[in-house]
N, C-alpha and C. Protein backbone atom coordinates (compact mmCIF):
# COMPACT_ATOMS: atom_id res chain seq x y z
N MET A 1 -32.35 -14.09 22.02
CA MET A 1 -32.16 -12.64 22.18
C MET A 1 -31.66 -12.05 20.87
N THR A 2 -32.30 -11.04 20.34
CA THR A 2 -31.92 -10.42 19.07
C THR A 2 -30.98 -9.25 19.31
N THR A 3 -30.19 -8.96 18.27
CA THR A 3 -29.26 -7.83 18.32
C THR A 3 -29.87 -6.66 17.58
N SER A 4 -29.89 -5.50 18.19
CA SER A 4 -30.50 -4.34 17.57
C SER A 4 -29.61 -3.79 16.48
N THR A 5 -30.21 -2.98 15.59
CA THR A 5 -29.45 -2.32 14.53
C THR A 5 -28.39 -1.41 15.10
N THR A 6 -28.73 -0.75 16.21
CA THR A 6 -27.77 0.15 16.87
C THR A 6 -26.56 -0.62 17.37
N ASP A 7 -26.80 -1.80 17.96
CA ASP A 7 -25.69 -2.63 18.44
C ASP A 7 -24.79 -3.06 17.29
N ASN A 8 -25.40 -3.47 16.16
CA ASN A 8 -24.61 -3.87 15.00
C ASN A 8 -23.77 -2.72 14.47
N ALA A 9 -24.38 -1.54 14.40
CA ALA A 9 -23.64 -0.36 13.91
C ALA A 9 -22.48 -0.03 14.82
N THR A 10 -22.71 -0.15 16.15
CA THR A 10 -21.64 0.13 17.10
C THR A 10 -20.49 -0.85 16.93
N ARG A 11 -20.85 -2.13 16.75
CA ARG A 11 -19.82 -3.14 16.59
C ARG A 11 -19.05 -2.94 15.28
N ASN A 12 -19.74 -2.61 14.20
CA ASN A 12 -19.06 -2.38 12.93
C ASN A 12 -18.13 -1.17 13.01
N ASP A 13 -18.62 -0.11 13.68
CA ASP A 13 -17.77 1.07 13.86
C ASP A 13 -16.55 0.70 14.69
N GLY A 14 -16.75 -0.10 15.73
CA GLY A 14 -15.64 -0.54 16.53
C GLY A 14 -14.65 -1.38 15.73
N LYS A 15 -15.16 -2.20 14.82
CA LYS A 15 -14.29 -3.03 13.99
C LYS A 15 -13.40 -2.18 13.10
N GLU A 16 -13.96 -1.13 12.51
CA GLU A 16 -13.17 -0.25 11.67
C GLU A 16 -12.08 0.45 12.48
N ARG A 17 -12.43 0.91 13.66
CA ARG A 17 -11.45 1.58 14.50
C ARG A 17 -10.36 0.62 14.96
N ILE A 18 -10.74 -0.62 15.22
CA ILE A 18 -9.75 -1.62 15.62
C ILE A 18 -8.76 -1.87 14.50
N LEU A 19 -9.24 -1.98 13.27
CA LEU A 19 -8.35 -2.25 12.14
C LEU A 19 -7.36 -1.11 11.93
N LEU A 20 -7.83 0.11 12.03
CA LEU A 20 -6.93 1.25 11.85
C LEU A 20 -5.93 1.35 13.00
N ALA A 21 -6.39 1.08 14.19
CA ALA A 21 -5.49 1.11 15.34
C ALA A 21 -4.48 -0.02 15.27
N ALA A 22 -4.94 -1.19 14.83
CA ALA A 22 -4.03 -2.34 14.70
C ALA A 22 -2.98 -2.07 13.63
N LEU A 23 -3.36 -1.43 12.54
CA LEU A 23 -2.40 -1.08 11.51
C LEU A 23 -1.30 -0.20 12.07
N ALA A 24 -1.68 0.81 12.83
CA ALA A 24 -0.69 1.71 13.43
C ALA A 24 0.19 0.96 14.42
N GLU A 25 -0.41 0.09 15.21
CA GLU A 25 0.34 -0.63 16.25
C GLU A 25 1.30 -1.64 15.64
N PHE A 26 0.85 -2.41 14.68
CA PHE A 26 1.71 -3.42 14.05
C PHE A 26 2.84 -2.76 13.26
N ALA A 27 2.54 -1.65 12.60
CA ALA A 27 3.56 -0.95 11.82
C ALA A 27 4.61 -0.33 12.72
N ALA A 28 4.21 0.10 13.90
CA ALA A 28 5.14 0.76 14.81
C ALA A 28 5.96 -0.24 15.63
N ARG A 29 5.35 -1.35 16.01
CA ARG A 29 5.99 -2.26 16.98
C ARG A 29 6.24 -3.66 16.44
N GLY A 30 5.73 -3.95 15.23
CA GLY A 30 5.83 -5.31 14.74
C GLY A 30 4.85 -6.22 15.42
N PHE A 31 4.72 -7.44 14.90
CA PHE A 31 3.74 -8.36 15.48
C PHE A 31 4.08 -8.70 16.92
N ASP A 32 5.33 -9.02 17.18
CA ASP A 32 5.72 -9.46 18.53
C ASP A 32 5.59 -8.33 19.55
N GLY A 33 5.87 -7.11 19.14
CA GLY A 33 5.80 -6.00 20.08
C GLY A 33 4.40 -5.47 20.32
N ALA A 34 3.50 -5.73 19.39
CA ALA A 34 2.12 -5.25 19.53
C ALA A 34 1.34 -6.16 20.47
N SER A 35 0.26 -5.62 21.01
CA SER A 35 -0.62 -6.42 21.88
C SER A 35 -2.05 -5.98 21.64
N THR A 36 -2.98 -6.89 21.91
CA THR A 36 -4.39 -6.53 21.78
C THR A 36 -4.79 -5.50 22.83
N THR A 37 -4.08 -5.49 23.95
CA THR A 37 -4.35 -4.47 24.96
C THR A 37 -4.02 -3.08 24.42
N ALA A 38 -2.86 -2.95 23.76
CA ALA A 38 -2.47 -1.67 23.19
C ALA A 38 -3.39 -1.27 22.05
N ILE A 39 -3.80 -2.24 21.24
CA ILE A 39 -4.72 -1.95 20.13
C ILE A 39 -6.06 -1.48 20.67
N ALA A 40 -6.55 -2.12 21.73
CA ALA A 40 -7.81 -1.70 22.35
C ALA A 40 -7.70 -0.28 22.89
N ARG A 41 -6.59 0.01 23.54
CA ARG A 41 -6.38 1.35 24.09
C ARG A 41 -6.33 2.38 22.97
N ARG A 42 -5.61 2.06 21.89
CA ARG A 42 -5.46 3.00 20.77
C ARG A 42 -6.78 3.24 20.05
N SER A 43 -7.61 2.21 19.96
CA SER A 43 -8.87 2.32 19.22
C SER A 43 -10.04 2.77 20.09
N GLY A 44 -9.84 2.78 21.41
CA GLY A 44 -10.90 3.22 22.30
C GLY A 44 -12.01 2.20 22.47
N VAL A 45 -11.69 0.91 22.33
CA VAL A 45 -12.68 -0.14 22.54
C VAL A 45 -12.16 -1.06 23.65
N THR A 46 -13.02 -1.97 24.07
CA THR A 46 -12.59 -2.93 25.08
C THR A 46 -11.85 -4.09 24.42
N GLN A 47 -10.94 -4.69 25.16
CA GLN A 47 -10.20 -5.82 24.61
C GLN A 47 -11.10 -6.99 24.21
N PRO A 48 -12.16 -7.30 24.98
CA PRO A 48 -13.06 -8.39 24.56
C PRO A 48 -13.68 -8.15 23.18
N LEU A 49 -13.88 -6.88 22.80
CA LEU A 49 -14.46 -6.61 21.49
C LEU A 49 -13.49 -7.03 20.38
N ILE A 50 -12.20 -6.88 20.60
CA ILE A 50 -11.20 -7.33 19.62
C ILE A 50 -11.30 -8.84 19.45
N HIS A 51 -11.39 -9.57 20.56
CA HIS A 51 -11.49 -11.02 20.48
C HIS A 51 -12.83 -11.45 19.88
N TYR A 52 -13.87 -10.65 20.12
CA TYR A 52 -15.17 -10.95 19.52
C TYR A 52 -15.09 -10.90 18.00
N HIS A 53 -14.43 -9.88 17.45
CA HIS A 53 -14.35 -9.71 16.01
C HIS A 53 -13.28 -10.60 15.37
N PHE A 54 -12.13 -10.78 16.04
CA PHE A 54 -10.97 -11.37 15.35
C PHE A 54 -10.40 -12.60 16.04
N GLY A 55 -10.80 -12.89 17.24
CA GLY A 55 -10.39 -14.12 17.89
C GLY A 55 -9.06 -14.07 18.62
N SER A 56 -8.05 -13.47 18.01
CA SER A 56 -6.71 -13.49 18.60
C SER A 56 -5.88 -12.37 17.98
N LYS A 57 -4.67 -12.18 18.48
CA LYS A 57 -3.77 -11.19 17.88
C LYS A 57 -3.44 -11.58 16.45
N GLU A 58 -3.21 -12.87 16.21
CA GLU A 58 -2.97 -13.34 14.84
C GLU A 58 -4.16 -13.02 13.94
N GLY A 59 -5.36 -13.20 14.48
CA GLY A 59 -6.56 -12.92 13.70
C GLY A 59 -6.68 -11.46 13.34
N VAL A 60 -6.41 -10.57 14.29
CA VAL A 60 -6.52 -9.14 13.99
C VAL A 60 -5.39 -8.72 13.05
N TRP A 61 -4.22 -9.34 13.14
CA TRP A 61 -3.13 -9.03 12.21
C TRP A 61 -3.52 -9.40 10.78
N ARG A 62 -4.06 -10.58 10.59
CA ARG A 62 -4.47 -11.01 9.24
C ARG A 62 -5.60 -10.13 8.71
N ALA A 63 -6.54 -9.80 9.56
CA ALA A 63 -7.64 -8.93 9.13
C ALA A 63 -7.11 -7.56 8.74
N THR A 64 -6.11 -7.07 9.46
CA THR A 64 -5.51 -5.77 9.15
C THR A 64 -4.83 -5.80 7.80
N VAL A 65 -4.07 -6.86 7.54
CA VAL A 65 -3.40 -6.99 6.24
C VAL A 65 -4.43 -7.10 5.12
N ASN A 66 -5.45 -7.92 5.31
CA ASN A 66 -6.49 -8.07 4.29
C ASN A 66 -7.18 -6.74 4.00
N ASP A 67 -7.51 -6.01 5.05
CA ASP A 67 -8.18 -4.72 4.89
C ASP A 67 -7.29 -3.75 4.11
N LEU A 68 -6.01 -3.76 4.41
CA LEU A 68 -5.07 -2.85 3.75
C LEU A 68 -4.97 -3.16 2.26
N PHE A 69 -4.81 -4.43 1.91
CA PHE A 69 -4.68 -4.81 0.51
C PHE A 69 -5.99 -4.61 -0.24
N GLU A 70 -7.10 -4.80 0.44
CA GLU A 70 -8.39 -4.54 -0.22
C GLU A 70 -8.56 -3.05 -0.52
N ARG A 71 -8.11 -2.20 0.40
CA ARG A 71 -8.15 -0.76 0.14
C ARG A 71 -7.27 -0.42 -1.07
N LEU A 72 -6.07 -1.00 -1.13
CA LEU A 72 -5.18 -0.76 -2.26
C LEU A 72 -5.81 -1.26 -3.56
N GLY A 73 -6.43 -2.42 -3.51
CA GLY A 73 -7.09 -2.95 -4.71
C GLY A 73 -8.20 -2.04 -5.21
N ARG A 74 -8.96 -1.47 -4.29
CA ARG A 74 -10.02 -0.55 -4.71
C ARG A 74 -9.45 0.71 -5.35
N GLU A 75 -8.35 1.21 -4.80
CA GLU A 75 -7.72 2.40 -5.37
C GLU A 75 -7.19 2.10 -6.78
N PHE A 76 -6.55 0.94 -6.94
CA PHE A 76 -6.05 0.55 -8.26
C PHE A 76 -7.18 0.38 -9.26
N MET A 77 -8.28 -0.25 -8.82
CA MET A 77 -9.40 -0.46 -9.73
C MET A 77 -9.99 0.88 -10.18
N ALA A 78 -10.09 1.82 -9.26
CA ALA A 78 -10.61 3.14 -9.63
C ALA A 78 -9.69 3.81 -10.64
N ALA A 79 -8.38 3.65 -10.47
CA ALA A 79 -7.43 4.26 -11.42
C ALA A 79 -7.55 3.62 -12.79
N VAL A 80 -7.73 2.30 -12.85
CA VAL A 80 -7.87 1.61 -14.14
C VAL A 80 -9.17 1.99 -14.81
N LEU A 81 -10.25 2.08 -14.04
CA LEU A 81 -11.54 2.45 -14.63
C LEU A 81 -11.51 3.87 -15.17
N ALA A 82 -10.76 4.74 -14.50
CA ALA A 82 -10.65 6.12 -14.98
C ALA A 82 -9.71 6.24 -16.17
N ASN A 83 -8.81 5.26 -16.32
CA ASN A 83 -7.83 5.29 -17.42
C ASN A 83 -7.72 3.89 -18.02
N PRO A 84 -8.77 3.41 -18.71
CA PRO A 84 -8.73 2.05 -19.26
C PRO A 84 -7.58 1.88 -20.24
N PRO A 85 -6.87 0.72 -20.17
CA PRO A 85 -5.65 0.57 -20.95
C PRO A 85 -5.85 0.35 -22.44
N GLY A 86 -7.08 0.13 -22.89
CA GLY A 86 -7.32 -0.10 -24.31
C GLY A 86 -7.20 1.17 -25.14
N ASN A 87 -7.30 1.00 -26.45
CA ASN A 87 -7.30 2.12 -27.39
C ASN A 87 -6.04 3.00 -27.28
N GLY A 88 -4.89 2.35 -27.12
CA GLY A 88 -3.64 3.09 -27.09
C GLY A 88 -3.42 3.89 -25.82
N ASN A 89 -4.14 3.53 -24.76
CA ASN A 89 -4.08 4.31 -23.53
C ASN A 89 -3.23 3.62 -22.45
N ALA A 90 -2.44 2.61 -22.83
CA ALA A 90 -1.72 1.82 -21.83
C ALA A 90 -0.74 2.66 -21.03
N ARG A 91 -0.08 3.61 -21.69
CA ARG A 91 0.88 4.44 -20.97
C ARG A 91 0.19 5.27 -19.90
N ALA A 92 -0.95 5.84 -20.24
CA ALA A 92 -1.69 6.65 -19.27
C ALA A 92 -2.16 5.79 -18.10
N THR A 93 -2.58 4.55 -18.38
CA THR A 93 -3.00 3.65 -17.31
C THR A 93 -1.84 3.34 -16.38
N PHE A 94 -0.68 3.05 -16.95
CA PHE A 94 0.51 2.75 -16.16
C PHE A 94 0.86 3.91 -15.25
N LEU A 95 0.87 5.10 -15.78
CA LEU A 95 1.24 6.28 -14.98
C LEU A 95 0.18 6.59 -13.93
N ALA A 96 -1.09 6.34 -14.26
CA ALA A 96 -2.15 6.55 -13.27
C ALA A 96 -2.00 5.59 -12.10
N LEU A 97 -1.62 4.34 -12.38
CA LEU A 97 -1.41 3.37 -11.32
C LEU A 97 -0.22 3.75 -10.44
N ILE A 98 0.82 4.27 -11.06
CA ILE A 98 1.98 4.72 -10.28
C ILE A 98 1.58 5.83 -9.33
N ARG A 99 0.90 6.84 -9.86
CA ARG A 99 0.48 7.96 -9.01
C ARG A 99 -0.43 7.48 -7.89
N GLU A 100 -1.32 6.54 -8.19
CA GLU A 100 -2.24 6.05 -7.17
C GLU A 100 -1.49 5.28 -6.09
N PHE A 101 -0.47 4.53 -6.48
CA PHE A 101 0.31 3.78 -5.49
C PHE A 101 1.06 4.72 -4.56
N VAL A 102 1.63 5.78 -5.12
CA VAL A 102 2.32 6.77 -4.28
C VAL A 102 1.33 7.41 -3.31
N ARG A 103 0.18 7.79 -3.81
CA ARG A 103 -0.84 8.40 -2.95
C ARG A 103 -1.26 7.44 -1.84
N PHE A 104 -1.37 6.17 -2.18
CA PHE A 104 -1.76 5.18 -1.18
C PHE A 104 -0.70 5.08 -0.08
N CYS A 105 0.57 5.04 -0.47
CA CYS A 105 1.65 4.98 0.51
C CYS A 105 1.68 6.24 1.38
N GLY A 106 1.34 7.38 0.77
CA GLY A 106 1.27 8.61 1.55
C GLY A 106 0.11 8.62 2.52
N LYS A 107 -1.01 8.05 2.09
CA LYS A 107 -2.20 8.00 2.94
C LYS A 107 -2.04 6.96 4.05
N TYR A 108 -1.37 5.86 3.71
CA TYR A 108 -1.16 4.77 4.68
C TYR A 108 0.34 4.46 4.76
N PRO A 109 1.12 5.31 5.41
CA PRO A 109 2.56 5.05 5.51
C PRO A 109 2.86 3.78 6.30
N GLU A 110 1.88 3.30 7.05
CA GLU A 110 2.05 2.05 7.77
C GLU A 110 2.18 0.86 6.82
N PHE A 111 1.65 1.00 5.60
CA PHE A 111 1.67 -0.08 4.63
C PHE A 111 3.10 -0.55 4.33
N PRO A 112 4.00 0.33 3.87
CA PRO A 112 5.36 -0.15 3.65
C PRO A 112 6.08 -0.56 4.92
N ARG A 113 5.80 0.12 6.03
CA ARG A 113 6.47 -0.24 7.28
C ARG A 113 6.11 -1.66 7.70
N LEU A 114 4.83 -2.00 7.57
CA LEU A 114 4.39 -3.34 7.94
C LEU A 114 5.03 -4.39 7.05
N LEU A 115 5.07 -4.13 5.74
CA LEU A 115 5.67 -5.09 4.82
C LEU A 115 7.16 -5.23 5.07
N TYR A 116 7.84 -4.11 5.33
CA TYR A 116 9.28 -4.18 5.59
C TYR A 116 9.58 -4.95 6.87
N MET A 117 8.66 -4.94 7.82
CA MET A 117 8.86 -5.70 9.05
C MET A 117 8.65 -7.19 8.84
N GLU A 118 7.66 -7.55 8.04
CA GLU A 118 7.26 -8.95 7.95
C GLU A 118 7.97 -9.74 6.85
N LEU A 119 8.09 -9.18 5.65
CA LEU A 119 8.54 -9.97 4.51
C LEU A 119 10.01 -10.39 4.58
N PRO A 120 10.94 -9.60 5.15
CA PRO A 120 12.33 -10.04 5.16
C PRO A 120 12.61 -11.25 6.04
N VAL A 121 11.70 -11.58 6.96
CA VAL A 121 11.93 -12.67 7.91
C VAL A 121 10.99 -13.83 7.59
N GLN A 122 11.56 -15.02 7.45
CA GLN A 122 10.72 -16.18 7.18
C GLN A 122 9.94 -16.58 8.43
N SER A 123 8.63 -16.62 8.28
CA SER A 123 7.76 -17.00 9.38
C SER A 123 6.43 -17.46 8.78
N SER A 124 5.56 -17.99 9.63
CA SER A 124 4.24 -18.38 9.15
C SER A 124 3.46 -17.18 8.65
N ARG A 125 3.69 -16.02 9.27
CA ARG A 125 2.98 -14.80 8.83
C ARG A 125 3.49 -14.33 7.48
N SER A 126 4.82 -14.30 7.31
CA SER A 126 5.35 -13.84 6.02
C SER A 126 4.96 -14.80 4.91
N ALA A 127 4.91 -16.12 5.19
CA ALA A 127 4.49 -17.09 4.18
C ALA A 127 3.03 -16.86 3.80
N TRP A 128 2.19 -16.62 4.82
CA TRP A 128 0.78 -16.34 4.55
C TRP A 128 0.62 -15.05 3.76
N LEU A 129 1.36 -14.01 4.14
CA LEU A 129 1.29 -12.73 3.46
C LEU A 129 1.72 -12.86 2.01
N LEU A 130 2.80 -13.61 1.78
CA LEU A 130 3.30 -13.80 0.42
C LEU A 130 2.30 -14.59 -0.42
N ASP A 131 1.77 -15.67 0.13
CA ASP A 131 0.91 -16.56 -0.65
C ASP A 131 -0.47 -15.96 -0.91
N THR A 132 -1.04 -15.29 0.09
CA THR A 132 -2.43 -14.84 -0.05
C THR A 132 -2.58 -13.43 -0.59
N ARG A 133 -1.56 -12.58 -0.40
CA ARG A 133 -1.70 -11.18 -0.79
C ARG A 133 -0.65 -10.71 -1.78
N VAL A 134 0.61 -10.98 -1.50
CA VAL A 134 1.67 -10.43 -2.35
C VAL A 134 1.74 -11.14 -3.69
N ARG A 135 1.77 -12.49 -3.67
CA ARG A 135 1.93 -13.22 -4.93
C ARG A 135 0.76 -13.00 -5.89
N PRO A 136 -0.50 -13.00 -5.44
CA PRO A 136 -1.59 -12.68 -6.38
C PRO A 136 -1.44 -11.29 -6.99
N MET A 137 -0.99 -10.32 -6.20
CA MET A 137 -0.79 -8.98 -6.74
C MET A 137 0.36 -8.97 -7.74
N VAL A 138 1.43 -9.71 -7.44
CA VAL A 138 2.56 -9.80 -8.36
C VAL A 138 2.11 -10.41 -9.69
N ASN A 139 1.25 -11.43 -9.64
CA ASN A 139 0.76 -12.05 -10.88
C ASN A 139 -0.04 -11.04 -11.71
N GLN A 140 -0.82 -10.21 -11.03
CA GLN A 140 -1.55 -9.17 -11.76
C GLN A 140 -0.59 -8.15 -12.37
N ILE A 141 0.45 -7.81 -11.61
CA ILE A 141 1.44 -6.86 -12.11
C ILE A 141 2.15 -7.43 -13.33
N LEU A 142 2.49 -8.72 -13.30
CA LEU A 142 3.16 -9.35 -14.44
C LEU A 142 2.29 -9.28 -15.69
N ALA A 143 0.99 -9.53 -15.52
CA ALA A 143 0.08 -9.47 -16.67
C ALA A 143 -0.03 -8.05 -17.20
N LEU A 144 -0.15 -7.08 -16.29
CA LEU A 144 -0.22 -5.68 -16.72
C LEU A 144 1.08 -5.24 -17.38
N HIS A 145 2.21 -5.66 -16.81
CA HIS A 145 3.51 -5.29 -17.37
C HIS A 145 3.63 -5.80 -18.80
N ALA A 146 3.19 -7.03 -19.05
CA ALA A 146 3.25 -7.58 -20.41
C ALA A 146 2.38 -6.75 -21.36
N GLN A 147 1.20 -6.35 -20.88
CA GLN A 147 0.32 -5.54 -21.72
C GLN A 147 0.91 -4.16 -21.97
N PHE A 148 1.45 -3.54 -20.93
CA PHE A 148 2.06 -2.22 -21.08
C PHE A 148 3.24 -2.28 -22.04
N ALA A 149 4.07 -3.32 -21.91
CA ALA A 149 5.24 -3.45 -22.78
C ALA A 149 4.82 -3.63 -24.23
N ARG A 150 3.71 -4.34 -24.44
CA ARG A 150 3.24 -4.61 -25.79
C ARG A 150 2.55 -3.39 -26.41
N ASP A 151 1.77 -2.68 -25.61
CA ASP A 151 0.89 -1.65 -26.16
C ASP A 151 1.39 -0.22 -26.01
N SER A 152 2.42 -0.01 -25.19
CA SER A 152 2.79 1.38 -24.91
C SER A 152 4.21 1.74 -25.30
N GLY A 153 4.96 0.79 -25.83
CA GLY A 153 6.34 1.10 -26.18
C GLY A 153 7.27 1.17 -24.98
N MET A 154 6.90 0.51 -23.89
CA MET A 154 7.76 0.51 -22.71
C MET A 154 9.07 -0.20 -23.02
N LYS A 155 10.15 0.34 -22.50
CA LYS A 155 11.44 -0.30 -22.67
C LYS A 155 11.46 -1.65 -21.96
N ASP A 156 12.35 -2.50 -22.41
CA ASP A 156 12.45 -3.86 -21.87
C ASP A 156 13.22 -3.84 -20.56
N VAL A 157 12.52 -3.52 -19.48
CA VAL A 157 13.11 -3.50 -18.14
C VAL A 157 12.56 -4.69 -17.37
N PRO A 158 13.42 -5.54 -16.78
CA PRO A 158 12.91 -6.68 -16.01
C PRO A 158 11.92 -6.22 -14.94
N VAL A 159 10.80 -6.91 -14.88
CA VAL A 159 9.71 -6.43 -14.03
C VAL A 159 10.11 -6.40 -12.55
N GLY A 160 10.96 -7.34 -12.12
CA GLY A 160 11.38 -7.33 -10.73
C GLY A 160 12.17 -6.08 -10.37
N HIS A 161 13.08 -5.68 -11.28
CA HIS A 161 13.85 -4.46 -11.06
C HIS A 161 12.94 -3.23 -11.10
N LEU A 162 12.00 -3.23 -12.05
CA LEU A 162 11.09 -2.11 -12.18
C LEU A 162 10.26 -1.94 -10.91
N MET A 163 9.75 -3.05 -10.37
CA MET A 163 8.91 -2.96 -9.18
C MET A 163 9.73 -2.57 -7.95
N ALA A 164 10.98 -3.04 -7.89
CA ALA A 164 11.83 -2.63 -6.76
C ALA A 164 12.08 -1.14 -6.79
N ILE A 165 12.34 -0.60 -7.99
CA ILE A 165 12.55 0.83 -8.14
C ILE A 165 11.28 1.60 -7.77
N LEU A 166 10.16 1.14 -8.30
CA LEU A 166 8.89 1.83 -8.07
C LEU A 166 8.48 1.81 -6.61
N THR A 167 8.49 0.62 -6.00
CA THR A 167 8.03 0.53 -4.61
C THR A 167 8.96 1.28 -3.66
N GLY A 168 10.27 1.18 -3.93
CA GLY A 168 11.20 1.91 -3.07
C GLY A 168 11.01 3.40 -3.17
N ALA A 169 10.91 3.89 -4.40
CA ALA A 169 10.75 5.33 -4.60
C ALA A 169 9.41 5.83 -4.07
N ALA A 170 8.37 5.03 -4.24
CA ALA A 170 7.03 5.46 -3.83
C ALA A 170 6.87 5.43 -2.31
N ALA A 171 7.42 4.41 -1.67
CA ALA A 171 7.11 4.18 -0.26
C ALA A 171 8.10 4.79 0.71
N THR A 172 9.37 4.88 0.33
CA THR A 172 10.41 5.25 1.29
C THR A 172 10.18 6.59 1.97
N PRO A 173 9.82 7.66 1.26
CA PRO A 173 9.65 8.95 1.95
C PRO A 173 8.59 8.90 3.05
N PHE A 174 7.56 8.09 2.84
CA PHE A 174 6.47 8.03 3.82
C PHE A 174 6.81 7.04 4.94
N ALA A 175 7.52 5.98 4.60
CA ALA A 175 7.94 5.04 5.64
C ALA A 175 8.93 5.68 6.60
N LEU A 176 9.73 6.61 6.10
CA LEU A 176 10.73 7.27 6.94
C LEU A 176 10.13 8.31 7.88
N GLY A 177 8.93 8.76 7.56
CA GLY A 177 8.23 9.67 8.47
C GLY A 177 8.94 10.98 8.70
N THR A 178 9.22 11.29 9.97
CA THR A 178 9.75 12.60 10.33
C THR A 178 11.16 12.85 9.80
N PHE A 179 11.87 11.81 9.36
CA PHE A 179 13.19 12.03 8.79
C PHE A 179 13.12 12.97 7.60
N MET A 180 12.07 12.85 6.77
CA MET A 180 11.93 13.73 5.61
C MET A 180 11.77 15.19 6.05
N GLN A 181 11.07 15.38 7.15
CA GLN A 181 10.89 16.73 7.69
C GLN A 181 12.21 17.26 8.24
N ASP A 182 12.91 16.43 8.99
CA ASP A 182 14.16 16.87 9.62
C ASP A 182 15.28 17.09 8.61
N ALA A 183 15.36 16.23 7.61
CA ALA A 183 16.48 16.29 6.66
C ALA A 183 16.22 17.24 5.50
N TYR A 184 14.98 17.28 5.02
CA TYR A 184 14.70 18.02 3.78
C TYR A 184 13.62 19.09 3.92
N GLY A 185 13.03 19.20 5.10
CA GLY A 185 11.98 20.18 5.29
C GLY A 185 10.69 19.83 4.59
N LEU A 186 10.46 18.55 4.31
CA LEU A 186 9.25 18.10 3.64
C LEU A 186 8.35 17.38 4.64
N ASP A 187 7.08 17.67 4.58
CA ASP A 187 6.11 17.03 5.47
C ASP A 187 5.45 15.88 4.73
N PRO A 188 5.84 14.62 5.00
CA PRO A 188 5.28 13.50 4.25
C PRO A 188 3.81 13.24 4.51
N ALA A 189 3.25 13.90 5.53
CA ALA A 189 1.83 13.72 5.82
C ALA A 189 0.95 14.74 5.10
N SER A 190 1.56 15.72 4.46
CA SER A 190 0.76 16.77 3.81
C SER A 190 0.28 16.32 2.44
N ASP A 191 -0.92 16.74 2.08
CA ASP A 191 -1.47 16.40 0.76
C ASP A 191 -0.58 16.95 -0.36
N ALA A 192 -0.01 18.13 -0.15
CA ALA A 192 0.83 18.75 -1.18
C ALA A 192 2.08 17.91 -1.44
N MET A 193 2.72 17.44 -0.38
CA MET A 193 3.90 16.61 -0.52
C MET A 193 3.57 15.29 -1.21
N ILE A 194 2.47 14.66 -0.82
CA ILE A 194 2.06 13.38 -1.41
C ILE A 194 1.83 13.55 -2.91
N GLU A 195 1.09 14.59 -3.28
CA GLU A 195 0.78 14.79 -4.69
C GLU A 195 2.02 15.15 -5.49
N GLN A 196 2.88 15.98 -4.93
CA GLN A 196 4.11 16.34 -5.63
C GLN A 196 4.98 15.10 -5.85
N HIS A 197 5.05 14.25 -4.86
CA HIS A 197 5.86 13.04 -5.00
C HIS A 197 5.25 12.10 -6.03
N ALA A 198 3.92 11.99 -6.04
CA ALA A 198 3.25 11.15 -7.03
C ALA A 198 3.55 11.62 -8.45
N GLN A 199 3.46 12.92 -8.66
CA GLN A 199 3.71 13.45 -10.00
C GLN A 199 5.19 13.32 -10.38
N THR A 200 6.07 13.51 -9.40
CA THR A 200 7.51 13.42 -9.68
C THR A 200 7.90 12.01 -10.08
N ILE A 201 7.46 11.00 -9.33
CA ILE A 201 7.79 9.61 -9.64
C ILE A 201 7.23 9.23 -11.01
N ALA A 202 5.99 9.61 -11.28
CA ALA A 202 5.39 9.28 -12.58
C ALA A 202 6.16 9.93 -13.72
N SER A 203 6.57 11.18 -13.54
CA SER A 203 7.31 11.88 -14.59
C SER A 203 8.68 11.24 -14.83
N LEU A 204 9.38 10.90 -13.76
CA LEU A 204 10.70 10.29 -13.91
C LEU A 204 10.61 8.93 -14.60
N LEU A 205 9.62 8.13 -14.21
CA LEU A 205 9.48 6.82 -14.82
C LEU A 205 9.01 6.93 -16.27
N GLU A 206 8.14 7.90 -16.55
CA GLU A 206 7.69 8.07 -17.93
C GLU A 206 8.87 8.40 -18.83
N ASN A 207 9.70 9.31 -18.40
CA ASN A 207 10.84 9.69 -19.23
C ASN A 207 11.88 8.59 -19.32
N GLY A 208 12.03 7.82 -18.25
CA GLY A 208 13.01 6.75 -18.27
C GLY A 208 12.55 5.51 -19.00
N LEU A 209 11.24 5.24 -18.98
CA LEU A 209 10.73 4.00 -19.56
C LEU A 209 10.23 4.15 -20.98
N PHE A 210 9.72 5.32 -21.32
CA PHE A 210 9.04 5.47 -22.59
C PHE A 210 9.75 6.41 -23.57
N VAL A 211 10.62 7.27 -23.08
CA VAL A 211 11.25 8.27 -23.94
C VAL A 211 12.73 7.93 -24.06
N GLU A 212 13.20 7.77 -25.26
CA GLU A 212 14.61 7.49 -25.47
C GLU A 212 15.44 8.68 -25.01
N ARG A 213 16.53 8.38 -24.37
CA ARG A 213 17.40 9.45 -23.92
C ARG A 213 18.05 10.17 -25.11
N ARG A 214 18.08 11.47 -25.01
CA ARG A 214 18.75 12.26 -26.06
C ARG A 214 20.25 12.22 -25.85
N GLN A 215 20.94 12.03 -26.93
CA GLN A 215 22.38 12.04 -26.83
C GLN A 215 22.90 13.46 -26.67
N ALA A 216 23.88 13.61 -25.82
CA ALA A 216 24.46 14.93 -25.60
C ALA A 216 25.16 15.39 -26.87
N PRO A 217 25.04 16.67 -27.20
CA PRO A 217 25.70 17.19 -28.41
C PRO A 217 27.21 17.04 -28.31
N ARG A 218 27.83 16.71 -29.41
CA ARG A 218 29.30 16.53 -29.43
C ARG A 218 30.00 17.85 -29.66
């Protein structure tokens, strides 16, 4: 029995909806609190379709993480291609990557929430996440940091501290969700807020990392 093109398209569309629904569910409830039943309900598909594509809750969780990091990788690659680091352009590349990371966190606020839930606790999932997704990205960041430090006049800031500052500043407003609205009157889901935050973080880091502080007049 052959599968029609329409059936394949329906299944692929269902797979995309499952991944987005699973991201929301895992970010909101954690792995233990989430269920394939809730993911099916949220995505508008049948539970057997989830098992058809991913096999188990663990399978859909890993696929969700992979999909998220692949989306981030594509965004980073687009930023690098638009601002290649050669020819004295390393500073512009660095700042473009910062802005893109903030935009990504604004577009997918579930990204930091999911990481904050999984990485602090030692488990088979956190080990898999660290080994397959986080550590390869960290190695790329280390290589880029060395190039930026060499070619752009970046101050000698330990990369671990720099990344903690960057990720915290970039992700926290979106991970906090409605708190930003309640406390500061800012809508973290709005395009204007996301872009303003991206430009603000890039400007602060540019001045802190590349521009020597002026001494106050005596």
